[in-house]
């Protein structure tokens, strides 16, 4: 099992959504766990066509989840 290190948490104003930005040990990719009402809705790996995205990209994704943009 991979160890998960959390770097940032984002929350919606009403508390219904949370996004967690993290990395797994030994993995260069950033990930975002998207929770709705305390339940994991999805985990997104910050990668497009084999290209890994930055921490800032992951933070933007997390904010978009918390602000209900997607």
N, C-alpha and C. Protein backbone atom coordinates (compact mmCIF):
# COMPACT_ATOMS: atom_id res chain seq x y z
N UNK A 1 0.85 -1.19 0.00
CA UNK A 1 0.00 0.00 0.00
C UNK A 1 0.88 1.24 0.00
N UNK A 2 0.50 2.21 -0.82
CA UNK A 2 1.26 3.45 -0.92
C UNK A 2 0.89 4.38 0.22
N UNK A 3 1.88 5.12 0.71
CA UNK A 3 1.63 6.14 1.72
C UNK A 3 1.19 7.42 1.02
N UNK A 4 0.16 8.04 1.55
CA UNK A 4 -0.38 9.27 1.00
C UNK A 4 0.05 10.43 1.88
N UNK A 5 0.61 11.48 1.25
CA UNK A 5 0.97 12.70 1.98
C UNK A 5 0.08 13.83 1.49
N UNK A 6 -0.72 14.38 2.40
CA UNK A 6 -1.65 15.46 2.07
C UNK A 6 -0.92 16.79 2.15
N UNK A 7 -1.14 17.63 1.14
CA UNK A 7 -0.51 18.95 1.08
C UNK A 7 -1.51 20.09 1.28
N UNK A 8 -2.72 19.95 0.75
CA UNK A 8 -3.70 21.03 0.83
C UNK A 8 -5.12 20.47 0.93
N UNK A 9 -5.98 21.22 1.59
CA UNK A 9 -7.41 20.90 1.66
C UNK A 9 -8.20 22.13 1.24
N UNK A 10 -9.25 21.91 0.48
CA UNK A 10 -10.13 22.98 0.04
C UNK A 10 -11.56 22.59 0.40
N UNK A 11 -12.36 23.56 0.81
CA UNK A 11 -13.73 23.30 1.27
C UNK A 11 -14.69 24.27 0.60
N UNK A 12 -15.89 23.79 0.30
CA UNK A 12 -16.95 24.68 -0.19
C UNK A 12 -17.46 25.51 0.97
N UNK A 13 -18.10 26.63 0.66
CA UNK A 13 -18.62 27.51 1.71
C UNK A 13 -19.66 26.82 2.58
N UNK A 14 -20.46 25.95 1.98
CA UNK A 14 -21.50 25.27 2.75
C UNK A 14 -21.01 24.00 3.43
N UNK A 15 -19.75 23.66 3.21
CA UNK A 15 -19.17 22.47 3.84
C UNK A 15 -19.54 21.15 3.19
N UNK A 16 -20.29 21.20 2.08
CA UNK A 16 -20.73 19.98 1.42
C UNK A 16 -19.68 19.31 0.57
N UNK A 17 -18.66 20.08 0.18
CA UNK A 17 -17.60 19.52 -0.65
C UNK A 17 -16.24 19.79 -0.04
N UNK A 18 -15.35 18.82 -0.25
CA UNK A 18 -13.95 18.95 0.17
C UNK A 18 -13.08 18.36 -0.92
N UNK A 19 -11.94 18.99 -1.16
CA UNK A 19 -10.95 18.46 -2.09
C UNK A 19 -9.62 18.39 -1.36
N UNK A 20 -8.93 17.28 -1.54
CA UNK A 20 -7.65 17.03 -0.87
C UNK A 20 -6.58 16.84 -1.93
N UNK A 21 -5.54 17.68 -1.90
CA UNK A 21 -4.41 17.58 -2.82
C UNK A 21 -3.33 16.76 -2.14
N UNK A 22 -2.85 15.72 -2.82
CA UNK A 22 -1.87 14.84 -2.20
C UNK A 22 -0.96 14.18 -3.22
N UNK A 23 0.07 13.53 -2.69
CA UNK A 23 0.98 12.69 -3.48
C UNK A 23 1.14 11.36 -2.76
N UNK A 24 1.39 10.33 -3.54
CA UNK A 24 1.76 9.03 -2.97
C UNK A 24 3.28 8.97 -2.88
N UNK A 25 3.80 8.30 -1.85
CA UNK A 25 5.24 8.14 -1.73
C UNK A 25 5.76 7.39 -2.95
N UNK A 26 6.87 7.86 -3.49
CA UNK A 26 7.48 7.22 -4.65
C UNK A 26 6.81 7.53 -5.97
N UNK A 27 5.85 8.43 -5.98
CA UNK A 27 5.11 8.80 -7.19
C UNK A 27 5.25 10.30 -7.40
N UNK A 28 5.64 10.71 -8.58
CA UNK A 28 5.84 12.14 -8.87
C UNK A 28 4.52 12.87 -9.17
N UNK A 29 3.46 12.13 -9.42
CA UNK A 29 2.19 12.75 -9.80
C UNK A 29 1.47 13.35 -8.60
N UNK A 30 0.73 14.42 -8.87
CA UNK A 30 -0.19 15.02 -7.90
C UNK A 30 -1.57 14.41 -8.12
N UNK A 31 -2.34 14.29 -7.04
CA UNK A 31 -3.69 13.73 -7.09
C UNK A 31 -4.64 14.64 -6.31
N UNK A 32 -5.92 14.55 -6.65
CA UNK A 32 -6.96 15.28 -5.92
C UNK A 32 -8.09 14.31 -5.61
N UNK A 33 -8.38 14.15 -4.32
CA UNK A 33 -9.56 13.41 -3.88
C UNK A 33 -10.70 14.40 -3.76
N UNK A 34 -11.83 14.08 -4.38
CA UNK A 34 -13.01 14.95 -4.37
C UNK A 34 -14.10 14.29 -3.54
N UNK A 35 -14.47 14.95 -2.45
CA UNK A 35 -15.50 14.43 -1.54
C UNK A 35 -16.76 15.27 -1.63
N UNK A 36 -17.89 14.60 -1.55
CA UNK A 36 -19.17 15.29 -1.47
C UNK A 36 -19.94 14.71 -0.29
N UNK A 37 -20.29 15.58 0.66
CA UNK A 37 -20.99 15.18 1.88
C UNK A 37 -20.27 14.03 2.59
N UNK A 38 -18.92 14.14 2.63
CA UNK A 38 -18.12 13.17 3.37
C UNK A 38 -17.80 11.88 2.63
N UNK A 39 -18.31 11.72 1.42
CA UNK A 39 -18.08 10.49 0.66
C UNK A 39 -17.18 10.79 -0.54
N UNK A 40 -16.19 9.93 -0.77
CA UNK A 40 -15.29 10.11 -1.90
C UNK A 40 -16.06 9.94 -3.20
N UNK A 41 -16.07 10.98 -4.01
CA UNK A 41 -16.76 10.96 -5.29
C UNK A 41 -15.83 10.48 -6.40
N UNK A 42 -14.58 10.97 -6.36
CA UNK A 42 -13.60 10.60 -7.37
C UNK A 42 -12.20 10.99 -6.92
N UNK A 43 -11.22 10.34 -7.52
CA UNK A 43 -9.82 10.72 -7.36
C UNK A 43 -9.30 11.03 -8.75
N UNK A 44 -8.68 12.20 -8.87
CA UNK A 44 -8.14 12.61 -10.17
C UNK A 44 -6.62 12.68 -10.11
N UNK A 45 -5.99 12.01 -11.04
CA UNK A 45 -4.54 12.12 -11.20
C UNK A 45 -4.27 13.30 -12.12
N UNK A 46 -3.37 14.18 -11.73
CA UNK A 46 -3.10 15.39 -12.49
C UNK A 46 -2.12 15.08 -13.62
N UNK A 47 -2.68 14.50 -14.67
CA UNK A 47 -1.90 14.05 -15.81
C UNK A 47 -2.77 14.13 -17.06
N UNK A 48 -2.17 14.60 -18.15
CA UNK A 48 -2.85 14.65 -19.43
C UNK A 48 -1.93 14.07 -20.49
N UNK A 49 -2.39 13.05 -21.18
CA UNK A 49 -1.62 12.42 -22.26
C UNK A 49 -0.19 12.09 -21.82
N UNK A 50 -0.05 11.57 -20.61
CA UNK A 50 1.25 11.16 -20.11
C UNK A 50 2.11 12.26 -19.52
N UNK A 51 1.61 13.50 -19.55
CA UNK A 51 2.35 14.64 -19.01
C UNK A 51 1.79 14.96 -17.62
N UNK A 52 2.67 14.96 -16.63
CA UNK A 52 2.26 15.27 -15.25
C UNK A 52 2.13 16.78 -15.06
N UNK A 53 1.11 17.18 -14.34
CA UNK A 53 0.88 18.59 -14.06
C UNK A 53 1.46 18.98 -12.70
N UNK A 54 1.53 20.26 -12.46
CA UNK A 54 2.18 20.83 -11.28
C UNK A 54 1.26 20.82 -10.05
N UNK A 55 1.86 21.16 -8.93
CA UNK A 55 1.11 21.32 -7.69
C UNK A 55 0.04 22.40 -7.86
N UNK A 56 0.39 23.50 -8.52
CA UNK A 56 -0.57 24.59 -8.75
C UNK A 56 -1.76 24.11 -9.55
N UNK A 57 -1.52 23.28 -10.53
CA UNK A 57 -2.60 22.70 -11.34
C UNK A 57 -3.54 21.89 -10.46
N UNK A 58 -2.95 21.10 -9.56
CA UNK A 58 -3.75 20.29 -8.63
C UNK A 58 -4.56 21.19 -7.70
N UNK A 59 -3.96 22.26 -7.21
CA UNK A 59 -4.68 23.20 -6.35
C UNK A 59 -5.86 23.83 -7.10
N UNK A 60 -5.65 24.19 -8.36
CA UNK A 60 -6.72 24.78 -9.17
C UNK A 60 -7.86 23.77 -9.36
N UNK A 61 -7.51 22.53 -9.60
CA UNK A 61 -8.52 21.49 -9.73
C UNK A 61 -9.32 21.36 -8.43
N UNK A 62 -8.62 21.36 -7.32
CA UNK A 62 -9.28 21.24 -6.01
C UNK A 62 -10.21 22.41 -5.75
N UNK A 63 -9.77 23.61 -6.05
CA UNK A 63 -10.62 24.80 -5.90
C UNK A 63 -11.86 24.69 -6.78
N UNK A 64 -11.68 24.25 -8.02
CA UNK A 64 -12.82 24.12 -8.92
C UNK A 64 -13.84 23.13 -8.38
N UNK A 65 -13.39 22.06 -7.74
CA UNK A 65 -14.33 21.12 -7.13
C UNK A 65 -15.07 21.80 -5.98
N UNK A 66 -14.31 22.45 -5.10
CA UNK A 66 -14.92 23.09 -3.92
C UNK A 66 -15.91 24.19 -4.33
N UNK A 67 -15.60 24.91 -5.41
CA UNK A 67 -16.47 25.99 -5.87
C UNK A 67 -17.57 25.50 -6.82
N UNK A 68 -17.68 24.19 -6.98
CA UNK A 68 -18.72 23.56 -7.80
C UNK A 68 -18.65 23.95 -9.28
N UNK A 69 -17.43 24.16 -9.77
CA UNK A 69 -17.25 24.42 -11.21
C UNK A 69 -17.40 23.12 -11.99
N UNK A 70 -17.05 22.01 -11.36
CA UNK A 70 -17.34 20.70 -11.96
C UNK A 70 -17.87 19.76 -10.91
